[in-house]
mmCIF file of all heavy atoms, coordinates in Angstrom:
data_MODEL
# 
_entry.id   MODEL 
# 
loop_
_atom_site.group_PDB 
_atom_site.id 
_atom_site.type_symbol 
_atom_site.label_atom_id 
_atom_site.label_alt_id 
_atom_site.label_comp_id 
_atom_site.label_asym_id 
_atom_site.label_entity_id 
_atom_site.label_seq_id 
_atom_site.pdbx_PDB_ins_code 
_atom_site.Cartn_x 
_atom_site.Cartn_y 
_atom_site.Cartn_z 
_atom_site.occupancy 
_atom_site.B_iso_or_equiv 
_atom_site.pdbx_formal_charge 
_atom_site.auth_seq_id 
_atom_site.auth_comp_id 
_atom_site.auth_asym_id 
_atom_site.auth_atom_id 
_atom_site.pdbx_PDB_model_num 
ATOM 1   N N   . VAL A 1 1  ? 113.393 69.196 97.553  1.00 0.00 ? 1  VAL A N   1 
ATOM 2   C CA  . VAL A 1 1  ? 114.420 70.227 97.537  1.00 0.00 ? 1  VAL A CA  1 
ATOM 3   C C   . VAL A 1 1  ? 115.052 70.370 96.158  1.00 0.00 ? 1  VAL A C   1 
ATOM 4   O O   . VAL A 1 1  ? 115.119 71.460 95.600  1.00 0.00 ? 1  VAL A O   1 
ATOM 5   C CB  . VAL A 1 1  ? 115.508 69.949 98.589  1.00 0.00 ? 1  VAL A CB  1 
ATOM 6   C CG1 . VAL A 1 1  ? 116.613 71.001 98.513  1.00 0.00 ? 1  VAL A CG1 1 
ATOM 7   C CG2 . VAL A 1 1  ? 114.904 69.920 99.985  1.00 0.00 ? 1  VAL A CG2 1 
ATOM 8   N N   . ALA A 1 2  ? 115.517 69.248 95.598  1.00 0.00 ? 2  ALA A N   1 
ATOM 9   C CA  . ALA A 1 2  ? 116.223 69.323 94.323  1.00 0.00 ? 2  ALA A CA  1 
ATOM 10  C C   . ALA A 1 2  ? 116.270 67.952 93.674  1.00 0.00 ? 2  ALA A C   1 
ATOM 11  O O   . ALA A 1 2  ? 116.195 66.924 94.345  1.00 0.00 ? 2  ALA A O   1 
ATOM 12  C CB  . ALA A 1 2  ? 117.649 69.858 94.515  1.00 0.00 ? 2  ALA A CB  1 
ATOM 13  N N   . ALA A 1 3  ? 116.417 67.939 92.361  1.00 0.00 ? 3  ALA A N   1 
ATOM 14  C CA  . ALA A 1 3  ? 116.563 66.700 91.609  1.00 0.00 ? 3  ALA A CA  1 
ATOM 15  C C   . ALA A 1 3  ? 117.522 66.927 90.458  1.00 0.00 ? 3  ALA A C   1 
ATOM 16  O O   . ALA A 1 3  ? 117.649 68.044 89.939  1.00 0.00 ? 3  ALA A O   1 
ATOM 17  C CB  . ALA A 1 3  ? 115.216 66.208 91.085  1.00 0.00 ? 3  ALA A CB  1 
ATOM 18  N N   . ILE A 1 4  ? 118.174 65.860 90.050  1.00 0.00 ? 4  ILE A N   1 
ATOM 19  C CA  . ILE A 1 4  ? 119.118 65.927 88.952  1.00 0.00 ? 4  ILE A CA  1 
ATOM 20  C C   . ILE A 1 4  ? 118.977 64.684 88.100  1.00 0.00 ? 4  ILE A C   1 
ATOM 21  O O   . ILE A 1 4  ? 118.799 63.573 88.611  1.00 0.00 ? 4  ILE A O   1 
ATOM 22  C CB  . ILE A 1 4  ? 120.563 66.107 89.475  1.00 0.00 ? 4  ILE A CB  1 
ATOM 23  C CG1 . ILE A 1 4  ? 121.537 66.379 88.326  1.00 0.00 ? 4  ILE A CG1 1 
ATOM 24  C CG2 . ILE A 1 4  ? 120.994 64.894 90.294  1.00 0.00 ? 4  ILE A CG2 1 
ATOM 25  C CD1 . ILE A 1 4  ? 122.895 66.885 88.810  1.00 0.00 ? 4  ILE A CD1 1 
ATOM 26  N N   . GLY A 1 5  ? 119.038 64.860 86.790  1.00 0.00 ? 5  GLY A N   1 
ATOM 27  C CA  . GLY A 1 5  ? 118.879 63.758 85.867  1.00 0.00 ? 5  GLY A CA  1 
ATOM 28  C C   . GLY A 1 5  ? 120.066 62.827 85.853  1.00 0.00 ? 5  GLY A C   1 
ATOM 29  O O   . GLY A 1 5  ? 121.097 63.062 86.488  1.00 0.00 ? 5  GLY A O   1 
ATOM 30  N N   . ARG A 1 6  ? 119.920 61.762 85.102  1.00 0.00 ? 6  ARG A N   1 
ATOM 31  C CA  . ARG A 1 6  ? 120.913 60.703 85.097  1.00 0.00 ? 6  ARG A CA  1 
ATOM 32  C C   . ARG A 1 6  ? 122.296 61.164 84.664  1.00 0.00 ? 6  ARG A C   1 
ATOM 33  O O   . ARG A 1 6  ? 123.307 60.661 85.163  1.00 0.00 ? 6  ARG A O   1 
ATOM 34  C CB  . ARG A 1 6  ? 120.452 59.565 84.202  1.00 0.00 ? 6  ARG A CB  1 
ATOM 35  C CG  . ARG A 1 6  ? 119.238 58.820 84.737  1.00 0.00 ? 6  ARG A CG  1 
ATOM 36  C CD  . ARG A 1 6  ? 118.813 57.738 83.775  1.00 0.00 ? 6  ARG A CD  1 
ATOM 37  N NE  . ARG A 1 6  ? 117.795 56.877 84.358  1.00 0.00 ? 6  ARG A NE  1 
ATOM 38  C CZ  . ARG A 1 6  ? 117.316 55.794 83.782  1.00 0.00 ? 6  ARG A CZ  1 
ATOM 39  N NH1 . ARG A 1 6  ? 117.763 55.429 82.588  1.00 0.00 ? 6  ARG A NH1 1 
ATOM 40  N NH2 . ARG A 1 6  ? 116.387 55.078 84.395  1.00 0.00 ? 6  ARG A NH2 1 
ATOM 41  N N   . ARG A 1 7  ? 122.341 62.097 83.739  1.00 0.00 ? 7  ARG A N   1 
ATOM 42  C CA  . ARG A 1 7  ? 123.617 62.600 83.255  1.00 0.00 ? 7  ARG A CA  1 
ATOM 43  C C   . ARG A 1 7  ? 123.968 63.987 83.788  1.00 0.00 ? 7  ARG A C   1 
ATOM 44  O O   . ARG A 1 7  ? 125.022 64.525 83.450  1.00 0.00 ? 7  ARG A O   1 
ATOM 45  C CB  . ARG A 1 7  ? 123.643 62.604 81.728  1.00 0.00 ? 7  ARG A CB  1 
ATOM 46  C CG  . ARG A 1 7  ? 123.665 61.200 81.138  1.00 0.00 ? 7  ARG A CG  1 
ATOM 47  C CD  . ARG A 1 7  ? 123.568 61.222 79.625  1.00 0.00 ? 7  ARG A CD  1 
ATOM 48  N NE  . ARG A 1 7  ? 123.780 59.896 79.058  1.00 0.00 ? 7  ARG A NE  1 
ATOM 49  C CZ  . ARG A 1 7  ? 122.841 58.959 78.991  1.00 0.00 ? 7  ARG A CZ  1 
ATOM 50  N NH1 . ARG A 1 7  ? 121.622 59.213 79.454  1.00 0.00 ? 7  ARG A NH1 1 
ATOM 51  N NH2 . ARG A 1 7  ? 123.121 57.776 78.460  1.00 0.00 ? 7  ARG A NH2 1 
ATOM 52  N N   . GLY A 1 8  ? 123.104 64.539 84.589  1.00 0.00 ? 8  GLY A N   1 
ATOM 53  C CA  . GLY A 1 8  ? 123.399 65.806 85.221  1.00 0.00 ? 8  GLY A CA  1 
ATOM 54  C C   . GLY A 1 8  ? 123.056 67.030 84.412  1.00 0.00 ? 8  GLY A C   1 
ATOM 55  O O   . GLY A 1 8  ? 123.379 68.149 84.832  1.00 0.00 ? 8  GLY A O   1 
ATOM 56  N N   . TYR A 1 9  ? 122.402 66.863 83.281  1.00 0.00 ? 9  TYR A N   1 
ATOM 57  C CA  . TYR A 1 9  ? 122.083 68.004 82.438  1.00 0.00 ? 9  TYR A CA  1 
ATOM 58  C C   . TYR A 1 9  ? 120.838 68.753 82.885  1.00 0.00 ? 9  TYR A C   1 
ATOM 59  O O   . TYR A 1 9  ? 120.722 69.958 82.654  1.00 0.00 ? 9  TYR A O   1 
ATOM 60  C CB  . TYR A 1 9  ? 121.897 67.557 80.990  1.00 0.00 ? 9  TYR A CB  1 
ATOM 61  C CG  . TYR A 1 9  ? 123.124 66.926 80.379  1.00 0.00 ? 9  TYR A CG  1 
ATOM 62  C CD1 . TYR A 1 9  ? 123.037 65.703 79.725  1.00 0.00 ? 9  TYR A CD1 1 
ATOM 63  C CD2 . TYR A 1 9  ? 124.357 67.553 80.451  1.00 0.00 ? 9  TYR A CD2 1 
ATOM 64  C CE1 . TYR A 1 9  ? 124.159 65.122 79.159  1.00 0.00 ? 9  TYR A CE1 1 
ATOM 65  C CE2 . TYR A 1 9  ? 125.483 66.978 79.885  1.00 0.00 ? 9  TYR A CE2 1 
ATOM 66  C CZ  . TYR A 1 9  ? 125.378 65.763 79.234  1.00 0.00 ? 9  TYR A CZ  1 
ATOM 67  O OH  . TYR A 1 9  ? 126.493 65.189 78.667  1.00 0.00 ? 9  TYR A OH  1 
ATOM 68  N N   . ILE A 1 10 ? 119.913 68.053 83.501  1.00 0.00 ? 10 ILE A N   1 
ATOM 69  C CA  . ILE A 1 10 ? 118.642 68.636 83.900  1.00 0.00 ? 10 ILE A CA  1 
ATOM 70  C C   . ILE A 1 10 ? 118.572 68.683 85.420  1.00 0.00 ? 10 ILE A C   1 
ATOM 71  O O   . ILE A 1 10 ? 118.850 67.686 86.095  1.00 0.00 ? 10 ILE A O   1 
ATOM 72  C CB  . ILE A 1 10 ? 117.460 67.836 83.339  1.00 0.00 ? 10 ILE A CB  1 
ATOM 73  C CG1 . ILE A 1 10 ? 117.537 67.774 81.812  1.00 0.00 ? 10 ILE A CG1 1 
ATOM 74  C CG2 . ILE A 1 10 ? 116.137 68.455 83.775  1.00 0.00 ? 10 ILE A CG2 1 
ATOM 75  C CD1 . ILE A 1 10 ? 116.494 66.853 81.192  1.00 0.00 ? 10 ILE A CD1 1 
ATOM 76  N N   . THR A 1 11 ? 118.196 69.824 85.944  1.00 0.00 ? 11 THR A N   1 
ATOM 77  C CA  . THR A 1 11 ? 118.016 69.977 87.383  1.00 0.00 ? 11 THR A CA  1 
ATOM 78  C C   . THR A 1 11 ? 116.699 70.679 87.668  1.00 0.00 ? 11 THR A C   1 
ATOM 79  O O   . THR A 1 11 ? 116.264 71.544 86.907  1.00 0.00 ? 11 THR A O   1 
ATOM 80  C CB  . THR A 1 11 ? 119.163 70.772 88.024  1.00 0.00 ? 11 THR A CB  1 
ATOM 81  O OG1 . THR A 1 11 ? 119.275 72.059 87.394  1.00 0.00 ? 11 THR A OG1 1 
ATOM 82  C CG2 . THR A 1 11 ? 120.480 70.027 87.862  1.00 0.00 ? 11 THR A CG2 1 
ATOM 83  N N   . TYR A 1 12 ? 116.074 70.306 88.771  1.00 0.00 ? 12 TYR A N   1 
ATOM 84  C CA  . TYR A 1 12 ? 114.872 70.955 89.270  1.00 0.00 ? 12 TYR A CA  1 
ATOM 85  C C   . TYR A 1 12 ? 115.101 71.348 90.722  1.00 0.00 ? 12 TYR A C   1 
ATOM 86  O O   . TYR A 1 12 ? 115.825 70.671 91.460  1.00 0.00 ? 12 TYR A O   1 
ATOM 87  C CB  . TYR A 1 12 ? 113.662 70.027 89.195  1.00 0.00 ? 12 TYR A CB  1 
ATOM 88  C CG  . TYR A 1 12 ? 113.197 69.671 87.812  1.00 0.00 ? 12 TYR A CG  1 
ATOM 89  C CD1 . TYR A 1 12 ? 112.632 68.425 87.566  1.00 0.00 ? 12 TYR A CD1 1 
ATOM 90  C CD2 . TYR A 1 12 ? 113.298 70.567 86.760  1.00 0.00 ? 12 TYR A CD2 1 
ATOM 91  C CE1 . TYR A 1 12 ? 112.187 68.079 86.301  1.00 0.00 ? 12 TYR A CE1 1 
ATOM 92  C CE2 . TYR A 1 12 ? 112.866 70.226 85.496  1.00 0.00 ? 12 TYR A CE2 1 
ATOM 93  C CZ  . TYR A 1 12 ? 112.308 68.983 85.269  1.00 0.00 ? 12 TYR A CZ  1 
ATOM 94  O OH  . TYR A 1 12 ? 111.872 68.644 84.011  1.00 0.00 ? 12 TYR A OH  1 
ATOM 95  N N   . TYR A 1 13 ? 114.435 72.407 91.136  1.00 0.00 ? 13 TYR A N   1 
ATOM 96  C CA  . TYR A 1 13 ? 114.551 72.868 92.513  1.00 0.00 ? 13 TYR A CA  1 
ATOM 97  C C   . TYR A 1 13 ? 113.187 73.203 93.079  1.00 0.00 ? 13 TYR A C   1 
ATOM 98  O O   . TYR A 1 13 ? 112.295 73.667 92.365  1.00 0.00 ? 13 TYR A O   1 
ATOM 99  C CB  . TYR A 1 13 ? 115.450 74.101 92.604  1.00 0.00 ? 13 TYR A CB  1 
ATOM 100 C CG  . TYR A 1 13 ? 116.875 73.812 92.195  1.00 0.00 ? 13 TYR A CG  1 
ATOM 101 C CD1 . TYR A 1 13 ? 117.332 74.107 90.918  1.00 0.00 ? 13 TYR A CD1 1 
ATOM 102 C CD2 . TYR A 1 13 ? 117.767 73.238 93.095  1.00 0.00 ? 13 TYR A CD2 1 
ATOM 103 C CE1 . TYR A 1 13 ? 118.633 73.827 90.536  1.00 0.00 ? 13 TYR A CE1 1 
ATOM 104 C CE2 . TYR A 1 13 ? 119.068 72.951 92.720  1.00 0.00 ? 13 TYR A CE2 1 
ATOM 105 C CZ  . TYR A 1 13 ? 119.494 73.251 91.439  1.00 0.00 ? 13 TYR A CZ  1 
ATOM 106 O OH  . TYR A 1 13 ? 120.790 72.970 91.065  1.00 0.00 ? 13 TYR A OH  1 
ATOM 107 N N   . GLY A 1 14 ? 113.054 72.964 94.360  1.00 0.00 ? 14 GLY A N   1 
ATOM 108 C CA  . GLY A 1 14 ? 111.843 73.362 95.038  1.00 0.00 ? 14 GLY A CA  1 
ATOM 109 C C   . GLY A 1 14 ? 111.757 74.871 95.184  1.00 0.00 ? 14 GLY A C   1 
ATOM 110 O O   . GLY A 1 14 ? 112.769 75.579 95.207  1.00 0.00 ? 14 GLY A O   1 
ATOM 111 N N   . ASP A 1 15 ? 110.535 75.358 95.301  1.00 0.00 ? 15 ASP A N   1 
ATOM 112 C CA  . ASP A 1 15 ? 110.329 76.803 95.383  1.00 0.00 ? 15 ASP A CA  1 
ATOM 113 C C   . ASP A 1 15 ? 111.054 77.425 96.577  1.00 0.00 ? 15 ASP A C   1 
ATOM 114 O O   . ASP A 1 15 ? 111.524 78.564 96.503  1.00 0.00 ? 15 ASP A O   1 
ATOM 115 C CB  . ASP A 1 15 ? 108.834 77.111 95.479  1.00 0.00 ? 15 ASP A CB  1 
ATOM 116 C CG  . ASP A 1 15 ? 108.095 76.788 94.197  1.00 0.00 ? 15 ASP A CG  1 
ATOM 117 O OD1 . ASP A 1 15 ? 108.741 76.676 93.143  1.00 0.00 ? 15 ASP A OD1 1 
ATOM 118 O OD2 . ASP A 1 15 ? 106.858 76.654 94.256  1.00 0.00 ? 15 ASP A OD2 1 
ATOM 119 N N   . SER A 1 16 ? 111.140 76.689 97.659  1.00 0.00 ? 16 SER A N   1 
ATOM 120 C CA  . SER A 1 16 ? 111.726 77.241 98.870  1.00 0.00 ? 16 SER A CA  1 
ATOM 121 C C   . SER A 1 16 ? 113.229 77.430 98.787  1.00 0.00 ? 16 SER A C   1 
ATOM 122 O O   . SER A 1 16 ? 113.805 78.143 99.618  1.00 0.00 ? 16 SER A O   1 
ATOM 123 C CB  . SER A 1 16 ? 111.381 76.353 100.072 1.00 0.00 ? 16 SER A CB  1 
ATOM 124 O OG  . SER A 1 16 ? 111.949 75.062 99.926  1.00 0.00 ? 16 SER A OG  1 
ATOM 125 N N   . VAL A 1 17 ? 113.883 76.798 97.813  1.00 0.00 ? 17 VAL A N   1 
ATOM 126 C CA  . VAL A 1 17 ? 115.333 76.888 97.706  1.00 0.00 ? 17 VAL A CA  1 
ATOM 127 C C   . VAL A 1 17 ? 115.783 77.430 96.363  1.00 0.00 ? 17 VAL A C   1 
ATOM 128 O O   . VAL A 1 17 ? 116.992 77.547 96.128  1.00 0.00 ? 17 VAL A O   1 
ATOM 129 C CB  . VAL A 1 17 ? 116.001 75.528 97.968  1.00 0.00 ? 17 VAL A CB  1 
ATOM 130 C CG1 . VAL A 1 17 ? 115.692 75.038 99.376  1.00 0.00 ? 17 VAL A CG1 1 
ATOM 131 C CG2 . VAL A 1 17 ? 115.563 74.501 96.926  1.00 0.00 ? 17 VAL A CG2 1 
ATOM 132 N N   . GLU A 1 18 ? 114.868 77.772 95.492  1.00 0.00 ? 18 GLU A N   1 
ATOM 133 C CA  . GLU A 1 18 ? 115.229 78.291 94.174  1.00 0.00 ? 18 GLU A CA  1 
ATOM 134 C C   . GLU A 1 18 ? 116.123 79.511 94.322  1.00 0.00 ? 18 GLU A C   1 
ATOM 135 O O   . GLU A 1 18 ? 115.816 80.445 95.064  1.00 0.00 ? 18 GLU A O   1 
ATOM 136 C CB  . GLU A 1 18 ? 113.977 78.640 93.381  1.00 0.00 ? 18 GLU A CB  1 
ATOM 137 C CG  . GLU A 1 18 ? 114.255 79.136 91.968  1.00 0.00 ? 18 GLU A CG  1 
ATOM 138 C CD  . GLU A 1 18 ? 114.802 78.042 91.075  1.00 0.00 ? 18 GLU A CD  1 
ATOM 139 O OE1 . GLU A 1 18 ? 114.309 76.897 91.164  1.00 0.00 ? 18 GLU A OE1 1 
ATOM 140 O OE2 . GLU A 1 18 ? 115.737 78.320 90.294  1.00 0.00 ? 18 GLU A OE2 1 
ATOM 141 N N   . GLY A 1 19 ? 117.240 79.485 93.606  1.00 0.00 ? 19 GLY A N   1 
ATOM 142 C CA  . GLY A 1 19 ? 118.195 80.569 93.678  1.00 0.00 ? 19 GLY A CA  1 
ATOM 143 C C   . GLY A 1 19 ? 119.234 80.400 94.759  1.00 0.00 ? 19 GLY A C   1 
ATOM 144 O O   . GLY A 1 19 ? 120.225 81.145 94.780  1.00 0.00 ? 19 GLY A O   1 
ATOM 145 N N   . ARG A 1 20 ? 119.036 79.474 95.670  1.00 0.00 ? 20 ARG A N   1 
ATOM 146 C CA  . ARG A 1 20 ? 119.980 79.246 96.759  1.00 0.00 ? 20 ARG A CA  1 
ATOM 147 C C   . ARG A 1 20 ? 120.641 77.879 96.693  1.00 0.00 ? 20 ARG A C   1 
ATOM 148 O O   . ARG A 1 20 ? 121.656 77.660 97.353  1.00 0.00 ? 20 ARG A O   1 
ATOM 149 C CB  . ARG A 1 20 ? 119.285 79.368 98.115  1.00 0.00 ? 20 ARG A CB  1 
ATOM 150 C CG  . ARG A 1 20 ? 118.678 80.726 98.385  1.00 0.00 ? 20 ARG A CG  1 
ATOM 151 C CD  . ARG A 1 20 ? 118.265 80.831 99.853  1.00 0.00 ? 20 ARG A CD  1 
ATOM 152 N NE  . ARG A 1 20 ? 117.195 79.894 100.186 1.00 0.00 ? 20 ARG A NE  1 
ATOM 153 C CZ  . ARG A 1 20 ? 117.235 79.047 101.215 1.00 0.00 ? 20 ARG A CZ  1 
ATOM 154 N NH1 . ARG A 1 20 ? 118.291 79.031 102.013 1.00 0.00 ? 20 ARG A NH1 1 
ATOM 155 N NH2 . ARG A 1 20 ? 116.207 78.242 101.452 1.00 0.00 ? 20 ARG A NH2 1 
ATOM 156 N N   . ALA A 1 21 ? 120.065 76.967 95.937  1.00 0.00 ? 21 ALA A N   1 
ATOM 157 C CA  . ALA A 1 21 ? 120.507 75.578 95.936  1.00 0.00 ? 21 ALA A CA  1 
ATOM 158 C C   . ALA A 1 21 ? 121.191 75.214 94.632  1.00 0.00 ? 21 ALA A C   1 
ATOM 159 O O   . ALA A 1 21 ? 120.874 75.734 93.559  1.00 0.00 ? 21 ALA A O   1 
ATOM 160 C CB  . ALA A 1 21 ? 119.326 74.646 96.172  1.00 0.00 ? 21 ALA A CB  1 
ATOM 161 N N   . THR A 1 22 ? 122.128 74.301 94.749  1.00 0.00 ? 22 THR A N   1 
ATOM 162 C CA  . THR A 1 22 ? 122.778 73.709 93.590  1.00 0.00 ? 22 THR A CA  1 
ATOM 163 C C   . THR A 1 22 ? 122.917 72.212 93.829  1.00 0.00 ? 22 THR A C   1 
ATOM 164 O O   . THR A 1 22 ? 123.514 71.793 94.815  1.00 0.00 ? 22 THR A O   1 
ATOM 165 C CB  . THR A 1 22 ? 124.167 74.310 93.338  1.00 0.00 ? 22 THR A CB  1 
ATOM 166 O OG1 . THR A 1 22 ? 124.063 75.725 93.136  1.00 0.00 ? 22 THR A OG1 1 
ATOM 167 C CG2 . THR A 1 22 ? 124.785 73.683 92.085  1.00 0.00 ? 22 THR A CG2 1 
ATOM 168 N N   . ILE A 1 23 ? 122.363 71.424 92.943  1.00 0.00 ? 23 ILE A N   1 
ATOM 169 C CA  . ILE A 1 23 ? 122.527 69.985 92.999  1.00 0.00 ? 23 ILE A CA  1 
ATOM 170 C C   . ILE A 1 23 ? 123.481 69.571 91.893  1.00 0.00 ? 23 ILE A C   1 
ATOM 171 O O   . ILE A 1 23 ? 123.436 70.107 90.786  1.00 0.00 ? 23 ILE A O   1 
ATOM 172 C CB  . ILE A 1 23 ? 121.175 69.248 92.894  1.00 0.00 ? 23 ILE A CB  1 
ATOM 173 C CG1 . ILE A 1 23 ? 121.359 67.748 93.138  1.00 0.00 ? 23 ILE A CG1 1 
ATOM 174 C CG2 . ILE A 1 23 ? 120.490 69.520 91.565  1.00 0.00 ? 23 ILE A CG2 1 
ATOM 175 C CD1 . ILE A 1 23 ? 120.039 66.984 93.275  1.00 0.00 ? 23 ILE A CD1 1 
ATOM 176 N N   . SER A 1 24 ? 124.345 68.637 92.194  1.00 0.00 ? 24 SER A N   1 
ATOM 177 C CA  . SER A 1 24 ? 125.335 68.189 91.235  1.00 0.00 ? 24 SER A CA  1 
ATOM 178 C C   . SER A 1 24 ? 125.580 66.702 91.420  1.00 0.00 ? 24 SER A C   1 
ATOM 179 O O   . SER A 1 24 ? 125.146 66.104 92.410  1.00 0.00 ? 24 SER A O   1 
ATOM 180 C CB  . SER A 1 24 ? 126.646 68.974 91.382  1.00 0.00 ? 24 SER A CB  1 
ATOM 181 O OG  . SER A 1 24 ? 127.205 68.791 92.672  1.00 0.00 ? 24 SER A OG  1 
# 
């Protein structure tokens, strides 16, 4: 679904949730 780096600067999202998801 989503991933976030150690400091929160980099985020990735799965195709099914792109544009709808926010990881923090």
